[in-house]
């Protein structure tokens, strides 16, 4: 999966929008919260997603894909991982990871920020 394909998939989610909270880094948000970190368009093809409610659950990705999944810097302890897009993780698994991250973030949003439909 390419970065462009991943970005398009993320932006197709209900209520999703692109933001650049840090110079050169792109994220996709729903409401006021990030559900996918894409980094710089010129950087490595990767996506940072919430892979579980805590580090223990998210570590499953690190065990299954030791070459292509890492705990995300700063927020990894909260269950966030960075997954390489152009490597050994299949497209369906990447899509499932984004879907799970989106669902987890939407569930924590105040009702007024949740997408309708």
PDB file of N, CA and C in Angstrom:
ATOM      1  N   UNK A   1       0.844  -1.173   0.000  1.00  0.00           N
ATOM      2  CA  UNK A   1       0.000   0.000   0.000  1.00  0.00           C
ATOM      3  C   UNK A   1       0.892   1.240   0.000  1.00  0.00           C
ATOM      4  N   UNK A   2       0.549   2.196  -0.815  1.00  0.00           N
ATOM      5  CA  UNK A   2       1.330   3.430  -0.873  1.00  0.00           C
ATOM      6  C   UNK A   2       0.815   4.432   0.161  1.00  0.00           C
ATOM      7  N   UNK A   3       1.596   5.444   0.424  1.00  0.00           N
ATOM      8  CA  UNK A   3       1.180   6.503   1.337  1.00  0.00           C
ATOM      9  C   UNK A   3      -0.075   7.195   0.803  1.00  0.00           C
ATOM     10  N   UNK A   4      -0.097   7.434  -0.500  1.00  0.00           N
ATOM     11  CA  UNK A   4      -1.238   8.115  -1.112  1.00  0.00           C
ATOM     12  C   UNK A   4      -2.521   7.291  -0.961  1.00  0.00           C
ATOM     13  N   UNK A   5      -2.409   5.975  -1.144  1.00  0.00           N
ATOM     14  CA  UNK A   5      -3.572   5.103  -0.966  1.00  0.00           C
ATOM     15  C   UNK A   5      -4.050   5.114   0.483  1.00  0.00           C
ATOM     16  N   UNK A   6      -3.112   5.087   1.414  1.00  0.00           N
ATOM     17  CA  UNK A   6      -3.476   5.110   2.831  1.00  0.00           C
ATOM     18  C   UNK A   6      -4.135   6.441   3.185  1.00  0.00           C
ATOM     19  N   UNK A   7      -3.588   7.537   2.711  1.00  0.00           N
ATOM     20  CA  UNK A   7      -4.177   8.848   2.974  1.00  0.00           C
ATOM     21  C   UNK A   7      -5.602   8.908   2.424  1.00  0.00           C
ATOM     22  N   UNK A   8      -5.796   8.448   1.214  1.00  0.00           N
ATOM     23  CA  UNK A   8      -7.131   8.449   0.604  1.00  0.00           C
ATOM     24  C   UNK A   8      -8.089   7.590   1.413  1.00  0.00           C
ATOM     25  N   UNK A   9      -7.638   6.434   1.880  1.00  0.00           N
ATOM     26  CA  UNK A   9      -8.501   5.568   2.687  1.00  0.00           C
ATOM     27  C   UNK A   9      -8.902   6.271   3.987  1.00  0.00           C
ATOM     28  N   UNK A  10      -7.922   6.867   4.649  1.00  0.00           N
ATOM     29  CA  UNK A  10      -8.204   7.558   5.911  1.00  0.00           C
ATOM     30  C   UNK A  10      -9.194   8.705   5.704  1.00  0.00           C
ATOM     31  N   UNK A  11      -8.992   9.476   4.656  1.00  0.00           N
ATOM     32  CA  UNK A  11      -9.849  10.634   4.413  1.00  0.00           C
ATOM     33  C   UNK A  11     -11.260  10.249   3.979  1.00  0.00           C
ATOM     34  N   UNK A  12     -11.448   9.000   3.537  1.00  0.00           N
ATOM     35  CA  UNK A  12     -12.784   8.526   3.150  1.00  0.00           C
ATOM     36  C   UNK A  12     -13.634   8.137   4.364  1.00  0.00           C
ATOM     37  N   UNK A  13     -13.040   8.073   5.552  1.00  0.00           N
ATOM     38  CA  UNK A  13     -13.796   7.730   6.762  1.00  0.00           C
ATOM     39  C   UNK A  13     -14.731   8.895   7.109  1.00  0.00           C
ATOM     40  N   UNK A  14     -15.913   8.603   7.637  1.00  0.00           N
ATOM     41  CA  UNK A  14     -16.853   9.670   7.996  1.00  0.00           C
ATOM     42  C   UNK A  14     -16.239  10.695   8.962  1.00  0.00           C
ATOM     43  N   UNK A  15     -16.333  11.955   8.595  1.00  0.00           N
ATOM     44  CA  UNK A  15     -15.836  13.034   9.454  1.00  0.00           C
ATOM     45  C   UNK A  15     -14.335  13.243   9.442  1.00  0.00           C
ATOM     46  N   UNK A  16     -13.607  12.484   8.621  1.00  0.00           N
ATOM     47  CA  UNK A  16     -12.139  12.588   8.618  1.00  0.00           C
ATOM     48  C   UNK A  16     -11.682  13.845   7.891  1.00  0.00           C
ATOM     49  N   UNK A  17     -10.588  14.424   8.393  1.00  0.00           N
ATOM     50  CA  UNK A  17     -10.000  15.594   7.750  1.00  0.00           C
ATOM     51  C   UNK A  17      -8.499  15.631   8.002  1.00  0.00           C
ATOM     52  N   UNK A  18      -7.793  16.232   7.063  1.00  0.00           N
ATOM     53  CA  UNK A  18      -6.327  16.299   7.090  1.00  0.00           C
ATOM     54  C   UNK A  18      -5.878  17.522   7.877  1.00  0.00           C
ATOM     55  N   UNK A  19      -4.859  17.340   8.707  1.00  0.00           N
ATOM     56  CA  UNK A  19      -4.296  18.448   9.484  1.00  0.00           C
ATOM     57  C   UNK A  19      -2.784  18.348   9.469  1.00  0.00           C
ATOM     58  N   UNK A  20      -2.118  19.474   9.713  1.00  0.00           N
ATOM     59  CA  UNK A  20      -0.662  19.535   9.844  1.00  0.00           C
ATOM     60  C   UNK A  20      -0.319  20.260  11.139  1.00  0.00           C
ATOM     61  N   UNK A  21      -0.490  19.580  12.285  1.00  0.00           N
ATOM     62  CA  UNK A  21      -0.255  20.255  13.565  1.00  0.00           C
ATOM     63  C   UNK A  21       1.222  20.562  13.819  1.00  0.00           C
ATOM     64  N   UNK A  22       2.099  19.848  13.139  1.00  0.00           N
ATOM     65  CA  UNK A  22       3.537  20.089  13.246  1.00  0.00           C
ATOM     66  C   UNK A  22       4.060  20.298  11.842  1.00  0.00           C
ATOM     67  N   UNK A  23       4.990  21.196  11.694  1.00  0.00           N
ATOM     68  CA  UNK A  23       5.503  21.552  10.370  1.00  0.00           C
ATOM     69  C   UNK A  23       5.954  20.316   9.595  1.00  0.00           C
ATOM     70  N   UNK A  24       5.317  20.103   8.436  1.00  0.00           N
ATOM     71  CA  UNK A  24       5.707  19.024   7.538  1.00  0.00           C
ATOM     72  C   UNK A  24       5.106  17.665   7.838  1.00  0.00           C
ATOM     73  N   UNK A  25       4.458  17.508   8.976  1.00  0.00           N
ATOM     74  CA  UNK A  25       3.859  16.220   9.335  1.00  0.00           C
ATOM     75  C   UNK A  25       2.352  16.269   9.150  1.00  0.00           C
ATOM     76  N   UNK A  26       1.829  15.243   8.499  1.00  0.00           N
ATOM     77  CA  UNK A  26       0.389  15.174   8.264  1.00  0.00           C
ATOM     78  C   UNK A  26      -0.247  14.126   9.167  1.00  0.00           C
ATOM     79  N   UNK A  27      -1.433  14.470   9.652  1.00  0.00           N
ATOM     80  CA  UNK A  27      -2.236  13.553  10.453  1.00  0.00           C
ATOM     81  C   UNK A  27      -3.661  13.596   9.912  1.00  0.00           C
ATOM     82  N   UNK A  28      -4.421  12.552  10.194  1.00  0.00           N
ATOM     83  CA  UNK A  28      -5.831  12.551   9.846  1.00  0.00           C
ATOM     84  C   UNK A  28      -6.607  12.492  11.160  1.00  0.00           C
ATOM     85  N   UNK A  29      -7.570  13.415  11.273  1.00  0.00           N
ATOM     86  CA  UNK A  29      -8.367  13.538  12.485  1.00  0.00           C
ATOM     87  C   UNK A  29      -9.827  13.222  12.204  1.00  0.00           C
ATOM     88  N   UNK A  30     -10.510  12.869  13.269  1.00  0.00           N
ATOM     89  CA  UNK A  30     -11.969  12.818  13.275  1.00  0.00           C
ATOM     90  C   UNK A  30     -12.360  13.647  14.492  1.00  0.00           C
ATOM     91  N   UNK A  31     -13.258  14.594  14.293  1.00  0.00           N
ATOM     92  CA  UNK A  31     -13.513  15.551  15.358  1.00  0.00           C
ATOM     93  C   UNK A  31     -12.229  16.297  15.642  1.00  0.00           C
ATOM     94  N   UNK A  32     -11.859  16.386  16.900  1.00  0.00           N
ATOM     95  CA  UNK A  32     -10.638  17.094  17.272  1.00  0.00           C
ATOM     96  C   UNK A  32      -9.464  16.166  17.540  1.00  0.00           C
ATOM     97  N   UNK A  33      -9.637  14.872  17.275  1.00  0.00           N
ATOM     98  CA  UNK A  33      -8.600  13.903  17.656  1.00  0.00           C
ATOM     99  C   UNK A  33      -7.995  13.170  16.462  1.00  0.00           C
ATOM    100  N   UNK A  34      -6.721  12.884  16.588  1.00  0.00           N
ATOM    101  CA  UNK A  34      -5.970  12.160  15.559  1.00  0.00           C
ATOM    102  C   UNK A  34      -6.293  10.670  15.638  1.00  0.00           C
ATOM    103  N   UNK A  35      -6.511  10.056  14.457  1.00  0.00           N
ATOM    104  CA  UNK A  35      -6.615   8.595  14.423  1.00  0.00           C
ATOM    105  C   UNK A  35      -5.550   7.973  13.536  1.00  0.00           C
ATOM    106  N   UNK A  36      -4.832   8.791  12.746  1.00  0.00           N
ATOM    107  CA  UNK A  36      -3.753   8.266  11.907  1.00  0.00           C
ATOM    108  C   UNK A  36      -2.663   9.318  11.748  1.00  0.00           C
ATOM    109  N   UNK A  37      -1.443   8.942  12.078  1.00  0.00           N
ATOM    110  CA  UNK A  37      -0.263   9.785  11.868  1.00  0.00           C
ATOM    111  C   UNK A  37       0.401   9.309  10.584  1.00  0.00           C
ATOM    112  N   UNK A  38       0.563  10.204   9.605  1.00  0.00           N
ATOM    113  CA  UNK A  38       1.184   9.812   8.340  1.00  0.00           C
ATOM    114  C   UNK A  38       2.588  10.393   8.163  1.00  0.00           C
ATOM    115  N   UNK A  39       2.982  11.318   8.996  1.00  0.00           N
ATOM    116  CA  UNK A  39       4.308  11.897   8.905  1.00  0.00           C
ATOM    117  C   UNK A  39       4.448  12.797   7.687  1.00  0.00           C
ATOM    118  N   UNK A  40       5.666  12.968   7.256  1.00  0.00           N
ATOM    119  CA  UNK A  40       5.967  13.840   6.123  1.00  0.00           C
ATOM    120  C   UNK A  40       5.692  13.135   4.802  1.00  0.00           C
ATOM    121  N   UNK A  41       5.118  13.869   3.825  1.00  0.00           N
ATOM    122  CA  UNK A  41       4.905  13.267   2.507  1.00  0.00           C
ATOM    123  C   UNK A  41       6.207  12.781   1.865  1.00  0.00           C
ATOM    124  N   UNK A  42       7.326  13.364   2.265  1.00  0.00           N
ATOM    125  CA  UNK A  42       8.620  12.979   1.703  1.00  0.00           C
ATOM    126  C   UNK A  42       9.323  11.897   2.524  1.00  0.00           C
ATOM    127  N   UNK A  43       8.721  11.510   3.639  1.00  0.00           N
ATOM    128  CA  UNK A  43       9.361  10.543   4.527  1.00  0.00           C
ATOM    129  C   UNK A  43       9.002   9.110   4.209  1.00  0.00           C
ATOM    130  N   UNK A  44       9.324   8.238   5.138  1.00  0.00           N
ATOM    131  CA  UNK A  44       9.031   6.813   5.006  1.00  0.00           C
ATOM    132  C   UNK A  44       7.514   6.594   4.937  1.00  0.00           C
ATOM    133  N   UNK A  45       7.087   5.654   4.103  1.00  0.00           N
ATOM    134  CA  UNK A  45       5.663   5.322   3.978  1.00  0.00           C
ATOM    135  C   UNK A  45       5.243   4.527   5.209  1.00  0.00           C
ATOM    136  N   UNK A  46       4.510   5.201   6.107  1.00  0.00           N
ATOM    137  CA  UNK A  46       4.125   4.568   7.364  1.00  0.00           C
ATOM    138  C   UNK A  46       2.845   5.211   7.865  1.00  0.00           C
ATOM    139  N   UNK A  47       2.218   4.539   8.817  1.00  0.00           N
ATOM    140  CA  UNK A  47       1.035   5.098   9.465  1.00  0.00           C
ATOM    141  C   UNK A  47       1.116   4.765  10.950  1.00  0.00           C
ATOM    142  N   UNK A  48       0.838   5.754  11.774  1.00  0.00           N
ATOM    143  CA  UNK A  48       0.760   5.551  13.212  1.00  0.00           C
ATOM    144  C   UNK A  48      -0.697   5.441  13.604  1.00  0.00           C
ATOM    145  N   UNK A  49      -1.055   4.337  14.255  1.00  0.00           N
ATOM    146  CA  UNK A  49      -2.450   4.087  14.617  1.00  0.00           C
ATOM    147  C   UNK A  49      -2.550   3.512  16.027  1.00  0.00           C
ATOM    148  N   UNK A  50      -3.714   3.687  16.619  1.00  0.00           N
ATOM    149  CA  UNK A  50      -3.978   3.103  17.929  1.00  0.00           C
ATOM    150  C   UNK A  50      -4.304   1.624  17.718  1.00  0.00           C
ATOM    151  N   UNK A  51      -3.442   0.747  18.229  1.00  0.00           N
ATOM    152  CA  UNK A  51      -3.564  -0.697  17.995  1.00  0.00           C
ATOM    153  C   UNK A  51      -4.117  -1.444  19.198  1.00  0.00           C
ATOM    154  N   UNK A  52      -4.563  -0.722  20.189  1.00  0.00           N
ATOM    155  CA  UNK A  52      -5.138  -1.350  21.364  1.00  0.00           C
ATOM    156  C   UNK A  52      -5.276  -0.354  22.489  1.00  0.00           C
ATOM    157  N   UNK A  53      -5.988  -0.729  23.538  1.00  0.00           N
ATOM    158  CA  UNK A  53      -6.210   0.194  24.640  1.00  0.00           C
ATOM    159  C   UNK A  53      -4.972   0.430  25.511  1.00  0.00           C
ATOM    160  N   UNK A  54      -3.968  -0.435  25.351  1.00  0.00           N
ATOM    161  CA  UNK A  54      -2.752  -0.307  26.153  1.00  0.00           C
ATOM    162  C   UNK A  54      -1.589  -0.969  25.416  1.00  0.00           C
ATOM    163  N   UNK A  55      -0.416  -0.870  26.004  1.00  0.00           N
ATOM    164  CA  UNK A  55       0.795  -1.395  25.380  1.00  0.00           C
ATOM    165  C   UNK A  55       0.749  -2.910  25.242  1.00  0.00           C
ATOM    166  N   UNK A  56       0.204  -3.614  26.218  1.00  0.00           N
ATOM    167  CA  UNK A  56       0.173  -5.078  26.153  1.00  0.00           C
ATOM    168  C   UNK A  56      -0.579  -5.565  24.922  1.00  0.00           C
ATOM    169  N   UNK A  57      -1.732  -4.984  24.646  1.00  0.00           N
ATOM    170  CA  UNK A  57      -2.530  -5.381  23.483  1.00  0.00           C
ATOM    171  C   UNK A  57      -1.823  -4.970  22.189  1.00  0.00           C
ATOM    172  N   UNK A  58      -1.294  -3.763  22.152  1.00  0.00           N
ATOM    173  CA  UNK A  58      -0.635  -3.251  20.950  1.00  0.00           C
ATOM    174  C   UNK A  58       0.640  -4.024  20.614  1.00  0.00           C
ATOM    175  N   UNK A  59       1.254  -4.635  21.610  1.00  0.00           N
ATOM    176  CA  UNK A  59       2.493  -5.392  21.376  1.00  0.00           C
ATOM    177  C   UNK A  59       2.298  -6.586  20.455  1.00  0.00           C
ATOM    178  N   UNK A  60       1.059  -7.054  20.285  1.00  0.00           N
ATOM    179  CA  UNK A  60       0.806  -8.159  19.366  1.00  0.00           C
ATOM    180  C   UNK A  60       1.350  -7.829  17.971  1.00  0.00           C
ATOM    181  N   UNK A  61       1.184  -6.569  17.539  1.00  0.00           N
ATOM    182  CA  UNK A  61       1.690  -6.149  16.226  1.00  0.00           C
ATOM    183  C   UNK A  61       3.208  -6.251  16.164  1.00  0.00           C
ATOM    184  N   UNK A  62       3.879  -5.894  17.249  1.00  0.00           N
ATOM    185  CA  UNK A  62       5.342  -5.948  17.279  1.00  0.00           C
ATOM    186  C   UNK A  62       5.841  -7.385  17.208  1.00  0.00           C
ATOM    187  N   UNK A  63       5.111  -8.305  17.820  1.00  0.00           N
ATOM    188  CA  UNK A  63       5.485  -9.718  17.778  1.00  0.00           C
ATOM    189  C   UNK A  63       5.228 -10.318  16.397  1.00  0.00           C
ATOM    190  N   UNK A  64       4.115  -9.935  15.777  1.00  0.00           N
ATOM    191  CA  UNK A  64       3.764 -10.476  14.460  1.00  0.00           C
ATOM    192  C   UNK A  64       4.611  -9.882  13.338  1.00  0.00           C
ATOM    193  N   UNK A  65       4.982  -8.618  13.478  1.00  0.00           N
ATOM    194  CA  UNK A  65       5.716  -7.915  12.408  1.00  0.00           C
ATOM    195  C   UNK A  65       6.931  -7.180  12.988  1.00  0.00           C
ATOM    196  N   UNK A  66       7.913  -7.929  13.486  1.00  0.00           N
ATOM    197  CA  UNK A  66       9.040  -7.278  14.168  1.00  0.00           C
ATOM    198  C   UNK A  66       9.858  -6.336  13.279  1.00  0.00           C
ATOM    199  N   UNK A  67       9.838  -6.547  11.985  1.00  0.00           N
ATOM    200  CA  UNK A  67      10.589  -5.694  11.070  1.00  0.00           C
ATOM    201  C   UNK A  67       9.804  -4.450  10.652  1.00  0.00           C
ATOM    202  N   UNK A  68       8.488  -4.494  10.794  1.00  0.00           N
ATOM    203  CA  UNK A  68       7.640  -3.466  10.191  1.00  0.00           C
ATOM    204  C   UNK A  68       6.713  -2.729  11.155  1.00  0.00           C
ATOM    205  N   UNK A  69       6.735  -3.077  12.428  1.00  0.00           N
ATOM    206  CA  UNK A  69       5.894  -2.404  13.418  1.00  0.00           C
ATOM    207  C   UNK A  69       6.752  -2.001  14.611  1.00  0.00           C
ATOM    208  N   UNK A  70       6.550  -0.779  15.082  1.00  0.00           N
ATOM    209  CA  UNK A  70       7.261  -0.288  16.262  1.00  0.00           C
ATOM    210  C   UNK A  70       6.281   0.488  17.144  1.00  0.00           C
ATOM    211  N   UNK A  71       6.586   0.547  18.420  1.00  0.00           N
ATOM    212  CA  UNK A  71       5.785   1.389  19.315  1.00  0.00           C
ATOM    213  C   UNK A  71       6.027   2.843  18.919  1.00  0.00           C
ATOM    214  N   UNK A  72       4.967   3.611  18.827  1.00  0.00           N
ATOM    215  CA  UNK A  72       5.094   5.013  18.424  1.00  0.00           C
ATOM    216  C   UNK A  72       5.804   5.814  19.517  1.00  0.00           C
ATOM    217  N   UNK A  73       6.704   6.715  19.103  1.00  0.00           N
ATOM    218  CA  UNK A  73       7.376   7.556  20.087  1.00  0.00           C
ATOM    219  C   UNK A  73       6.363   8.389  20.888  1.00  0.00           C
ATOM    220  N   UNK A  74       6.631   8.562  22.154  1.00  0.00           N
ATOM    221  CA  UNK A  74       5.860   9.404  23.072  1.00  0.00           C
ATOM    222  C   UNK A  74       4.488   8.832  23.451  1.00  0.00           C
ATOM    223  N   UNK A  75       3.751   8.265  22.496  1.00  0.00           N
ATOM    224  CA  UNK A  75       2.388   7.800  22.791  1.00  0.00           C
ATOM    225  C   UNK A  75       2.258   6.278  22.724  1.00  0.00           C
ATOM    226  N   UNK A  76       3.361   5.585  22.506  1.00  0.00           N
ATOM    227  CA  UNK A  76       3.328   4.133  22.406  1.00  0.00           C
ATOM    228  C   UNK A  76       2.775   3.457  23.636  1.00  0.00           C
ATOM    229  N   UNK A  77       3.037   4.028  24.801  1.00  0.00           N
ATOM    230  CA  UNK A  77       2.548   3.414  26.045  1.00  0.00           C
ATOM    231  C   UNK A  77       1.024   3.378  26.098  1.00  0.00           C
ATOM    232  N   UNK A  78       0.385   4.219  25.278  1.00  0.00           N
ATOM    233  CA  UNK A  78      -1.076   4.257  25.234  1.00  0.00           C
ATOM    234  C   UNK A  78      -1.658   3.352  24.152  1.00  0.00           C
ATOM    235  N   UNK A  79      -0.824   2.506  23.550  1.00  0.00           N
ATOM    236  CA  UNK A  79      -1.303   1.547  22.554  1.00  0.00           C
ATOM    237  C   UNK A  79      -1.135   1.967  21.110  1.00  0.00           C
ATOM    238  N   UNK A  80      -0.321   2.995  20.847  1.00  0.00           N
ATOM    239  CA  UNK A  80      -0.091   3.460  19.474  1.00  0.00           C
ATOM    240  C   UNK A  80       1.150   2.806  18.894  1.00  0.00           C
ATOM    241  N   UNK A  81       1.039   2.335  17.639  1.00  0.00           N
ATOM    242  CA  UNK A  81       2.154   1.741  16.907  1.00  0.00           C
ATOM    243  C   UNK A  81       2.336   2.468  15.585  1.00  0.00           C
ATOM    244  N   UNK A  82       3.545   2.392  15.063  1.00  0.00           N
ATOM    245  CA  UNK A  82       3.843   2.873  13.723  1.00  0.00           C
ATOM    246  C   UNK A  82       4.058   1.653  12.840  1.00  0.00           C
ATOM    247  N   UNK A  83       3.300   1.590  11.735  1.00  0.00           N
ATOM    248  CA  UNK A  83       3.341   0.442  10.829  1.00  0.00           C
ATOM    249  C   UNK A  83       3.863   0.884   9.468  1.00  0.00           C
ATOM    250  N   UNK A  84       4.847   0.161   8.948  1.00  0.00           N
ATOM    251  CA  UNK A  84       5.366   0.463   7.605  1.00  0.00           C
ATOM    252  C   UNK A  84       4.350   0.030   6.555  1.00  0.00           C
ATOM    253  N   UNK A  85       4.157   0.879   5.553  1.00  0.00           N
ATOM    254  CA  UNK A  85       3.160   0.601   4.522  1.00  0.00           C
ATOM    255  C   UNK A  85       3.698  -0.235   3.374  1.00  0.00           C
ATOM    256  N   UNK A  86       4.961  -0.094   3.084  1.00  0.00           N
ATOM    257  CA  UNK A  86       5.531  -0.713   1.883  1.00  0.00           C
ATOM    258  C   UNK A  86       6.399  -1.917   2.225  1.00  0.00           C
ATOM    259  N   UNK A  87       5.953  -2.698   3.199  1.00  0.00           N
ATOM    260  CA  UNK A  87       6.799  -3.798   3.667  1.00  0.00           C
ATOM    261  C   UNK A  87       5.964  -5.067   3.849  1.00  0.00           C
ATOM    262  N   UNK A  88       6.166  -5.756   4.956  1.00  0.00           N
ATOM    263  CA  UNK A  88       5.592  -7.081   5.147  1.00  0.00           C
ATOM    264  C   UNK A  88       4.190  -7.148   5.720  1.00  0.00           C
ATOM    265  N   UNK A  89       3.575  -6.016   6.041  1.00  0.00           N
ATOM    266  CA  UNK A  89       2.211  -6.040   6.566  1.00  0.00           C
ATOM    267  C   UNK A  89       1.254  -5.922   5.380  1.00  0.00           C
ATOM    268  N   UNK A  90       0.344  -6.865   5.247  1.00  0.00           N
ATOM    269  CA  UNK A  90      -0.588  -6.872   4.124  1.00  0.00           C
ATOM    270  C   UNK A  90      -1.556  -5.704   4.156  1.00  0.00           C
ATOM    271  N   UNK A  91      -2.054  -5.335   2.985  1.00  0.00           N
ATOM    272  CA  UNK A  91      -2.982  -4.208   2.868  1.00  0.00           C
ATOM    273  C   UNK A  91      -4.218  -4.394   3.734  1.00  0.00           C
ATOM    274  N   UNK A  92      -4.778  -5.597   3.761  1.00  0.00           N
ATOM    275  CA  UNK A  92      -5.979  -5.836   4.564  1.00  0.00           C
ATOM    276  C   UNK A  92      -5.709  -5.622   6.049  1.00  0.00           C
ATOM    277  N   UNK A  93      -4.540  -6.039   6.500  1.00  0.00           N
ATOM    278  CA  UNK A  93      -4.194  -5.845   7.909  1.00  0.00           C
ATOM    279  C   UNK A  93      -3.986  -4.366   8.224  1.00  0.00           C
ATOM    280  N   UNK A  94      -3.388  -3.639   7.281  1.00  0.00           N
ATOM    281  CA  UNK A  94      -3.227  -2.198   7.469  1.00  0.00           C
ATOM    282  C   UNK A  94      -4.596  -1.508   7.546  1.00  0.00           C
ATOM    283  N   UNK A  95      -5.498  -1.897   6.666  1.00  0.00           N
ATOM    284  CA  UNK A  95      -6.852  -1.338   6.666  1.00  0.00           C
ATOM    285  C   UNK A  95      -7.544  -1.650   7.995  1.00  0.00           C
ATOM    286  N   UNK A  96      -7.412  -2.894   8.459  1.00  0.00           N
ATOM    287  CA  UNK A  96      -8.010  -3.274   9.739  1.00  0.00           C
ATOM    288  C   UNK A  96      -7.443  -2.431  10.885  1.00  0.00           C
ATOM    289  N   UNK A  97      -6.142  -2.158  10.842  1.00  0.00           N
ATOM    290  CA  UNK A  97      -5.502  -1.351  11.888  1.00  0.00           C
ATOM    291  C   UNK A  97      -6.052   0.076  11.876  1.00  0.00           C
ATOM    292  N   UNK A  98      -6.204   0.656  10.698  1.00  0.00           N
ATOM    293  CA  UNK A  98      -6.759   2.015  10.590  1.00  0.00           C
ATOM    294  C   UNK A  98      -8.210   2.022  11.066  1.00  0.00           C
ATOM    295  N   UNK A  99      -8.980   1.017  10.648  1.00  0.00           N
ATOM    296  CA  UNK A  99     -10.378   0.934  11.077  1.00  0.00           C
ATOM    297  C   UNK A  99     -10.479   0.853  12.603  1.00  0.00           C
ATOM    298  N   UNK A 100      -9.623   0.050  13.203  1.00  0.00           N
ATOM    299  CA  UNK A 100      -9.628  -0.084  14.663  1.00  0.00           C
ATOM    300  C   UNK A 100      -9.247   1.208  15.355  1.00  0.00           C
ATOM    301  N   UNK A 101      -8.260   1.909  14.808  1.00  0.00           N
ATOM    302  CA  UNK A 101      -7.834   3.182  15.378  1.00  0.00           C
ATOM    303  C   UNK A 101      -8.958   4.212  15.278  1.00  0.00           C
ATOM    304  N   UNK A 102      -9.560   4.284  14.113  1.00  0.00           N
ATOM    305  CA  UNK A 102     -10.676   5.224  13.893  1.00  0.00           C
ATOM    306  C   UNK A 102     -11.804   4.937  14.880  1.00  0.00           C
ATOM    307  N   UNK A 103     -12.206   3.666  14.979  1.00  0.00           N
ATOM    308  CA  UNK A 103     -13.302   3.285  15.873  1.00  0.00           C
ATOM    309  C   UNK A 103     -12.979   3.614  17.328  1.00  0.00           C
ATOM    310  N   UNK A 104     -11.733   3.364  17.744  1.00  0.00           N
ATOM    311  CA  UNK A 104     -11.329   3.644  19.127  1.00  0.00           C
ATOM    312  C   UNK A 104     -11.377   5.142  19.412  1.00  0.00           C
ATOM    313  N   UNK A 105     -10.933   5.951  18.469  1.00  0.00           N
ATOM    314  CA  UNK A 105     -10.924   7.400  18.659  1.00  0.00           C
ATOM    315  C   UNK A 105     -12.348   7.947  18.645  1.00  0.00           C
ATOM    316  N   UNK A 106     -13.170   7.503  17.706  1.00  0.00           N
ATOM    317  CA  UNK A 106     -14.557   7.967  17.648  1.00  0.00           C
ATOM    318  C   UNK A 106     -15.296   7.626  18.949  1.00  0.00           C
ATOM    319  N   UNK A 107     -15.044   6.453  19.489  1.00  0.00           N
ATOM    320  CA  UNK A 107     -15.725   6.029  20.717  1.00  0.00           C
ATOM    321  C   UNK A 107     -15.408   6.947  21.893  1.00  0.00           C
ATOM    322  N   UNK A 108     -14.254   7.591  21.877  1.00  0.00           N
ATOM    323  CA  UNK A 108     -13.840   8.483  22.967  1.00  0.00           C
ATOM    324  C   UNK A 108     -14.231   9.937  22.731  1.00  0.00           C
ATOM    325  N   UNK A 109     -14.728  10.252  21.538  1.00  0.00           N
ATOM    326  CA  UNK A 109     -15.115  11.634  21.243  1.00  0.00           C
ATOM    327  C   UNK A 109     -16.387  12.006  21.986  1.00  0.00           C
ATOM    328  N   UNK A 110     -16.507  13.285  22.371  1.00  0.00           N
ATOM    329  CA  UNK A 110     -17.802  13.738  22.897  1.00  0.00           C
ATOM    330  C   UNK A 110     -18.858  13.582  21.794  1.00  0.00           C
ATOM    331  N   UNK A 111     -20.088  13.333  22.162  1.00  0.00           N
ATOM    332  CA  UNK A 111     -21.142  13.089  21.170  1.00  0.00           C
ATOM    333  C   UNK A 111     -21.242  14.201  20.139  1.00  0.00           C
ATOM    334  N   UNK A 112     -21.015  15.442  20.547  1.00  0.00           N
ATOM    335  CA  UNK A 112     -21.147  16.556  19.608  1.00  0.00           C
ATOM    336  C   UNK A 112     -20.073  16.529  18.507  1.00  0.00           C
ATOM    337  N   UNK A 113     -18.960  15.816  18.746  1.00  0.00           N
ATOM    338  CA  UNK A 113     -17.881  15.743  17.754  1.00  0.00           C
ATOM    339  C   UNK A 113     -17.942  14.479  16.896  1.00  0.00           C
ATOM    340  N   UNK A 114     -18.797  13.548  17.245  1.00  0.00           N
ATOM    341  CA  UNK A 114     -18.858  12.277  16.492  1.00  0.00           C
ATOM    342  C   UNK A 114     -19.509  12.503  15.130  1.00  0.00           C
ATOM    343  N   UNK A 115     -18.967  11.835  14.109  1.00  0.00           N
ATOM    344  CA  UNK A 115     -19.587  11.960  12.788  1.00  0.00           C
ATOM    345  C   UNK A 115     -20.984  11.351  12.799  1.00  0.00           C
ATOM    346  N   UNK A 116     -21.858  11.938  12.009  1.00  0.00           N
ATOM    347  CA  UNK A 116     -23.218  11.411  11.905  1.00  0.00           C
ATOM    348  C   UNK A 116     -23.335  10.584  10.637  1.00  0.00           C
ATOM    349  N   UNK A 117     -24.243   9.669  10.660  1.00  0.00           N
ATOM    350  CA  UNK A 117     -24.482   8.882   9.450  1.00  0.00           C
ATOM    351  C   UNK A 117     -24.139   7.465   9.554  1.00  0.00           C
TER     352      UNK A 117
END
